[in-house]
Amino acid sequence: MGFIKLASTSDAKPNSMMSVTVNDKKILLANVNGNYYAIDNVCTHRGCQLSKGKLQGETVVCPCHGSTFDLKTGNFVKGPTKKPEPAYELKVENNDIMINL
């Protein structure tokens, strides 16, 4: 599909996360010290919204059972899950954060 607009840089506040739906996909967008990361927003353990979890550096902790995912790769850091999250390539053009779906 290629790159499409996910959000504006002004929407993604520094050191925060947000939920964005694009093409019926629920995406977690994180801004960590000016670096943008995108992974699926649905935890692979029980389907909780990761965007409601806790941002810890370049990881996100699921609010339901504490599964922790690396925002760069989508890999799980600790369980109870053993399944990674899909991670997406991003780029910034002007003030638009673009995602490769």
N, C-alpha and C. Protein backbone atom coordinates (compact mmCIF):
# COMPACT_ATOMS: atom_id res chain seq x y z
N MET A 1 0.83 -1.20 0.00
CA MET A 1 0.00 0.00 0.00
C MET A 1 0.87 1.26 0.00
N GLY A 2 2.01 1.23 0.67
CA GLY A 2 2.88 2.40 0.72
C GLY A 2 2.57 3.29 1.90
N PHE A 3 3.20 4.46 1.92
CA PHE A 3 3.05 5.39 3.03
C PHE A 3 1.77 6.20 2.91
N ILE A 4 1.05 6.32 4.03
CA ILE A 4 -0.13 7.17 4.11
C ILE A 4 -0.04 7.96 5.41
N LYS A 5 -0.78 9.06 5.49
CA LYS A 5 -0.74 9.90 6.68
C LYS A 5 -1.37 9.19 7.87
N LEU A 6 -0.63 9.18 8.98
CA LEU A 6 -1.12 8.61 10.23
C LEU A 6 -1.59 9.71 11.18
N ALA A 7 -0.78 10.77 11.32
CA ALA A 7 -1.10 11.86 12.23
C ALA A 7 -0.20 13.04 11.90
N SER A 8 -0.43 14.15 12.57
CA SER A 8 0.45 15.31 12.48
C SER A 8 1.41 15.30 13.66
N THR A 9 2.58 15.86 13.46
CA THR A 9 3.55 15.91 14.56
C THR A 9 2.99 16.69 15.74
N SER A 10 2.12 17.65 15.50
CA SER A 10 1.53 18.43 16.59
C SER A 10 0.54 17.59 17.42
N ASP A 11 0.03 16.50 16.84
CA ASP A 11 -0.89 15.61 17.56
C ASP A 11 -0.15 14.70 18.54
N ALA A 12 1.08 14.34 18.20
CA ALA A 12 1.86 13.37 18.99
C ALA A 12 2.79 14.14 19.93
N LYS A 13 2.31 14.41 21.11
CA LYS A 13 3.06 15.18 22.10
C LYS A 13 4.31 14.41 22.54
N PRO A 14 5.38 15.12 22.89
CA PRO A 14 6.61 14.45 23.33
C PRO A 14 6.37 13.53 24.54
N ASN A 15 7.00 12.36 24.49
CA ASN A 15 6.94 11.37 25.56
C ASN A 15 5.51 10.99 25.92
N SER A 16 4.73 10.71 24.88
CA SER A 16 3.35 10.28 25.07
C SER A 16 2.96 9.28 23.98
N MET A 17 1.79 8.68 24.18
CA MET A 17 1.25 7.72 23.22
C MET A 17 -0.17 8.12 22.88
N MET A 18 -0.62 7.65 21.72
CA MET A 18 -1.99 7.89 21.32
C MET A 18 -2.47 6.75 20.42
N SER A 19 -3.77 6.60 20.37
CA SER A 19 -4.40 5.61 19.51
C SER A 19 -4.84 6.29 18.22
N VAL A 20 -4.52 5.65 17.10
CA VAL A 20 -4.92 6.18 15.79
C VAL A 20 -5.49 5.01 14.99
N THR A 21 -6.61 5.23 14.34
CA THR A 21 -7.16 4.21 13.45
C THR A 21 -6.99 4.69 12.02
N VAL A 22 -6.37 3.84 11.22
CA VAL A 22 -6.16 4.15 9.81
C VAL A 22 -6.40 2.87 9.01
N ASN A 23 -7.24 2.99 7.98
CA ASN A 23 -7.61 1.82 7.16
C ASN A 23 -8.08 0.66 8.03
N ASP A 24 -8.89 0.95 9.02
CA ASP A 24 -9.48 -0.04 9.95
C ASP A 24 -8.44 -0.74 10.83
N LYS A 25 -7.20 -0.24 10.87
CA LYS A 25 -6.17 -0.79 11.75
C LYS A 25 -6.03 0.12 12.96
N LYS A 26 -5.97 -0.49 14.14
CA LYS A 26 -5.77 0.26 15.37
C LYS A 26 -4.28 0.30 15.67
N ILE A 27 -3.73 1.50 15.62
CA ILE A 27 -2.29 1.72 15.73
C ILE A 27 -1.98 2.50 17.01
N LEU A 28 -0.94 2.09 17.69
CA LEU A 28 -0.39 2.86 18.80
C LEU A 28 0.74 3.71 18.23
N LEU A 29 0.63 5.02 18.35
CA LEU A 29 1.68 5.95 17.93
C LEU A 29 2.32 6.52 19.17
N ALA A 30 3.63 6.40 19.26
CA ALA A 30 4.36 6.93 20.41
C ALA A 30 5.42 7.92 19.95
N ASN A 31 5.58 8.98 20.74
CA ASN A 31 6.63 9.96 20.53
C ASN A 31 7.56 9.86 21.73
N VAL A 32 8.75 9.32 21.51
CA VAL A 32 9.74 9.17 22.58
C VAL A 32 10.91 10.09 22.25
N ASN A 33 10.96 11.22 22.94
CA ASN A 33 12.04 12.20 22.75
C ASN A 33 12.20 12.61 21.28
N GLY A 34 11.08 12.79 20.59
CA GLY A 34 11.11 13.23 19.20
C GLY A 34 11.25 12.11 18.19
N ASN A 35 11.35 10.86 18.65
CA ASN A 35 11.37 9.70 17.76
C ASN A 35 9.99 9.07 17.77
N TYR A 36 9.47 8.80 16.59
CA TYR A 36 8.12 8.26 16.46
C TYR A 36 8.17 6.76 16.19
N TYR A 37 7.26 6.04 16.86
CA TYR A 37 7.16 4.58 16.72
C TYR A 37 5.69 4.21 16.57
N ALA A 38 5.45 3.14 15.81
CA ALA A 38 4.08 2.66 15.63
C ALA A 38 4.06 1.14 15.68
N ILE A 39 3.18 0.61 16.53
CA ILE A 39 2.91 -0.82 16.61
C ILE A 39 1.40 -0.99 16.69
N ASP A 40 0.92 -2.23 16.54
CA ASP A 40 -0.51 -2.46 16.72
C ASP A 40 -0.91 -2.05 18.13
N ASN A 41 -2.14 -1.57 18.27
CA ASN A 41 -2.63 -1.07 19.56
C ASN A 41 -3.39 -2.13 20.35
N VAL A 42 -3.47 -3.34 19.84
CA VAL A 42 -4.22 -4.41 20.50
C VAL A 42 -3.24 -5.44 21.03
N CYS A 43 -3.18 -5.59 22.35
CA CYS A 43 -2.23 -6.51 22.97
C CYS A 43 -2.45 -7.94 22.47
N THR A 44 -1.35 -8.61 22.16
CA THR A 44 -1.43 -9.99 21.66
C THR A 44 -1.81 -10.98 22.76
N HIS A 45 -1.86 -10.55 24.00
CA HIS A 45 -2.22 -11.45 25.10
C HIS A 45 -3.73 -11.55 25.27
N ARG A 46 -4.39 -10.44 25.56
CA ARG A 46 -5.83 -10.45 25.81
C ARG A 46 -6.61 -9.37 25.08
N GLY A 47 -5.95 -8.68 24.15
CA GLY A 47 -6.66 -7.71 23.33
C GLY A 47 -6.88 -6.35 23.95
N CYS A 48 -6.20 -6.03 25.03
CA CYS A 48 -6.34 -4.71 25.65
C CYS A 48 -5.69 -3.64 24.80
N GLN A 49 -6.11 -2.38 24.99
CA GLN A 49 -5.55 -1.27 24.24
C GLN A 49 -4.23 -0.84 24.87
N LEU A 50 -3.15 -1.01 24.13
CA LEU A 50 -1.84 -0.64 24.63
C LEU A 50 -1.70 0.86 24.86
N SER A 51 -2.44 1.66 24.10
CA SER A 51 -2.35 3.12 24.26
C SER A 51 -2.84 3.58 25.63
N LYS A 52 -3.56 2.72 26.34
CA LYS A 52 -4.02 3.04 27.70
C LYS A 52 -3.03 2.56 28.75
N GLY A 53 -1.92 1.99 28.28
CA GLY A 53 -0.90 1.48 29.17
C GLY A 53 0.10 2.55 29.57
N LYS A 54 1.28 2.11 29.97
CA LYS A 54 2.30 3.00 30.49
C LYS A 54 3.52 3.02 29.56
N LEU A 55 3.93 4.22 29.18
CA LEU A 55 5.12 4.40 28.38
C LEU A 55 6.32 4.42 29.31
N GLN A 56 7.26 3.51 29.06
CA GLN A 56 8.49 3.45 29.86
C GLN A 56 9.67 3.43 28.91
N GLY A 57 10.24 4.60 28.69
CA GLY A 57 11.33 4.71 27.72
C GLY A 57 10.83 4.33 26.35
N GLU A 58 11.47 3.33 25.73
CA GLU A 58 11.06 2.88 24.40
C GLU A 58 10.25 1.60 24.47
N THR A 59 9.54 1.40 25.59
CA THR A 59 8.64 0.26 25.74
C THR A 59 7.27 0.75 26.20
N VAL A 60 6.28 -0.09 25.97
CA VAL A 60 4.93 0.16 26.46
C VAL A 60 4.50 -1.05 27.29
N VAL A 61 3.88 -0.76 28.44
CA VAL A 61 3.40 -1.81 29.33
C VAL A 61 1.88 -1.86 29.21
N CYS A 62 1.36 -3.04 28.88
CA CYS A 62 -0.09 -3.22 28.73
C CYS A 62 -0.79 -2.96 30.06
N PRO A 63 -1.92 -2.24 30.04
CA PRO A 63 -2.61 -1.93 31.29
C PRO A 63 -3.33 -3.12 31.92
N CYS A 64 -3.55 -4.18 31.18
CA CYS A 64 -4.32 -5.31 31.71
C CYS A 64 -3.49 -6.31 32.50
N HIS A 65 -2.43 -6.81 31.91
CA HIS A 65 -1.67 -7.88 32.57
C HIS A 65 -0.17 -7.63 32.58
N GLY A 66 0.27 -6.45 32.14
CA GLY A 66 1.67 -6.09 32.26
C GLY A 66 2.61 -6.57 31.17
N SER A 67 2.08 -7.13 30.10
CA SER A 67 2.98 -7.50 29.00
C SER A 67 3.68 -6.23 28.52
N THR A 68 4.96 -6.36 28.21
CA THR A 68 5.76 -5.20 27.82
C THR A 68 6.31 -5.43 26.41
N PHE A 69 6.18 -4.39 25.57
CA PHE A 69 6.60 -4.48 24.18
C PHE A 69 7.61 -3.38 23.85
N ASP A 70 8.59 -3.72 23.02
CA ASP A 70 9.57 -2.77 22.51
C ASP A 70 8.90 -1.98 21.38
N LEU A 71 8.88 -0.67 21.50
CA LEU A 71 8.22 0.16 20.50
C LEU A 71 8.95 0.19 19.17
N LYS A 72 10.26 -0.04 19.17
CA LYS A 72 11.04 -0.02 17.92
C LYS A 72 10.75 -1.25 17.06
N THR A 73 10.64 -2.41 17.71
CA THR A 73 10.55 -3.67 16.98
C THR A 73 9.20 -4.38 17.11
N GLY A 74 8.44 -4.04 18.14
CA GLY A 74 7.20 -4.75 18.43
C GLY A 74 7.41 -6.02 19.23
N ASN A 75 8.66 -6.41 19.44
CA ASN A 75 8.95 -7.64 20.20
C ASN A 75 8.51 -7.52 21.65
N PHE A 76 8.10 -8.64 22.24
CA PHE A 76 7.75 -8.61 23.66
C PHE A 76 9.03 -8.63 24.48
N VAL A 77 9.01 -7.88 25.57
CA VAL A 77 10.14 -7.80 26.48
C VAL A 77 9.91 -8.73 27.65
N LYS A 78 8.66 -8.72 28.15
CA LYS A 78 8.27 -9.68 29.18
C LYS A 78 6.79 -9.97 29.07
N GLY A 79 6.40 -11.14 29.58
CA GLY A 79 5.05 -11.66 29.42
C GLY A 79 4.09 -11.14 30.45
N PRO A 80 2.90 -11.68 30.37
CA PRO A 80 2.57 -13.05 30.03
C PRO A 80 2.54 -13.39 28.54
N THR A 81 2.50 -12.42 27.65
CA THR A 81 2.47 -12.76 26.23
C THR A 81 3.82 -13.29 25.76
N LYS A 82 3.79 -14.02 24.70
CA LYS A 82 5.02 -14.48 24.03
C LYS A 82 5.00 -14.09 22.57
N LYS A 83 3.95 -13.36 22.16
CA LYS A 83 3.79 -12.97 20.76
C LYS A 83 4.14 -11.50 20.59
N PRO A 84 4.89 -11.16 19.55
CA PRO A 84 5.23 -9.76 19.28
C PRO A 84 4.05 -9.01 18.68
N GLU A 85 4.16 -7.70 18.69
CA GLU A 85 3.21 -6.82 18.01
C GLU A 85 3.78 -6.46 16.64
N PRO A 86 2.96 -6.35 15.62
CA PRO A 86 3.47 -5.84 14.35
C PRO A 86 3.98 -4.41 14.54
N ALA A 87 5.14 -4.11 14.01
CA ALA A 87 5.72 -2.77 14.06
C ALA A 87 5.72 -2.19 12.64
N TYR A 88 5.57 -0.88 12.55
CA TYR A 88 5.42 -0.24 11.24
C TYR A 88 6.51 0.80 11.02
N GLU A 89 6.92 0.90 9.78
CA GLU A 89 7.89 1.91 9.37
C GLU A 89 7.19 3.27 9.29
N LEU A 90 7.84 4.29 9.84
CA LEU A 90 7.31 5.64 9.80
C LEU A 90 8.31 6.58 9.16
N LYS A 91 7.80 7.68 8.63
CA LYS A 91 8.65 8.78 8.19
C LYS A 91 7.87 10.06 8.40
N VAL A 92 8.60 11.15 8.54
CA VAL A 92 7.96 12.45 8.72
C VAL A 92 8.21 13.28 7.46
N GLU A 93 7.12 13.79 6.90
CA GLU A 93 7.17 14.68 5.74
C GLU A 93 6.45 15.96 6.13
N ASN A 94 7.20 17.07 6.09
CA ASN A 94 6.67 18.34 6.58
C ASN A 94 6.23 18.13 8.03
N ASN A 95 4.98 18.25 8.34
CA ASN A 95 4.50 17.99 9.71
C ASN A 95 3.63 16.76 9.78
N ASP A 96 3.69 15.91 8.77
CA ASP A 96 2.87 14.70 8.72
C ASP A 96 3.70 13.47 9.09
N ILE A 97 3.15 12.67 9.97
CA ILE A 97 3.75 11.38 10.29
C ILE A 97 3.11 10.37 9.36
N MET A 98 3.94 9.74 8.54
CA MET A 98 3.47 8.81 7.52
C MET A 98 3.81 7.39 7.94
N ILE A 99 2.86 6.47 7.70
CA ILE A 99 3.04 5.07 8.06
C ILE A 99 3.02 4.22 6.81
N ASN A 100 3.87 3.20 6.78
CA ASN A 100 3.91 2.26 5.67
C ASN A 100 3.08 1.04 6.06
N LEU A 101 1.90 0.93 5.48
CA LEU A 101 1.01 -0.21 5.78
C LEU A 101 1.10 -1.27 4.69
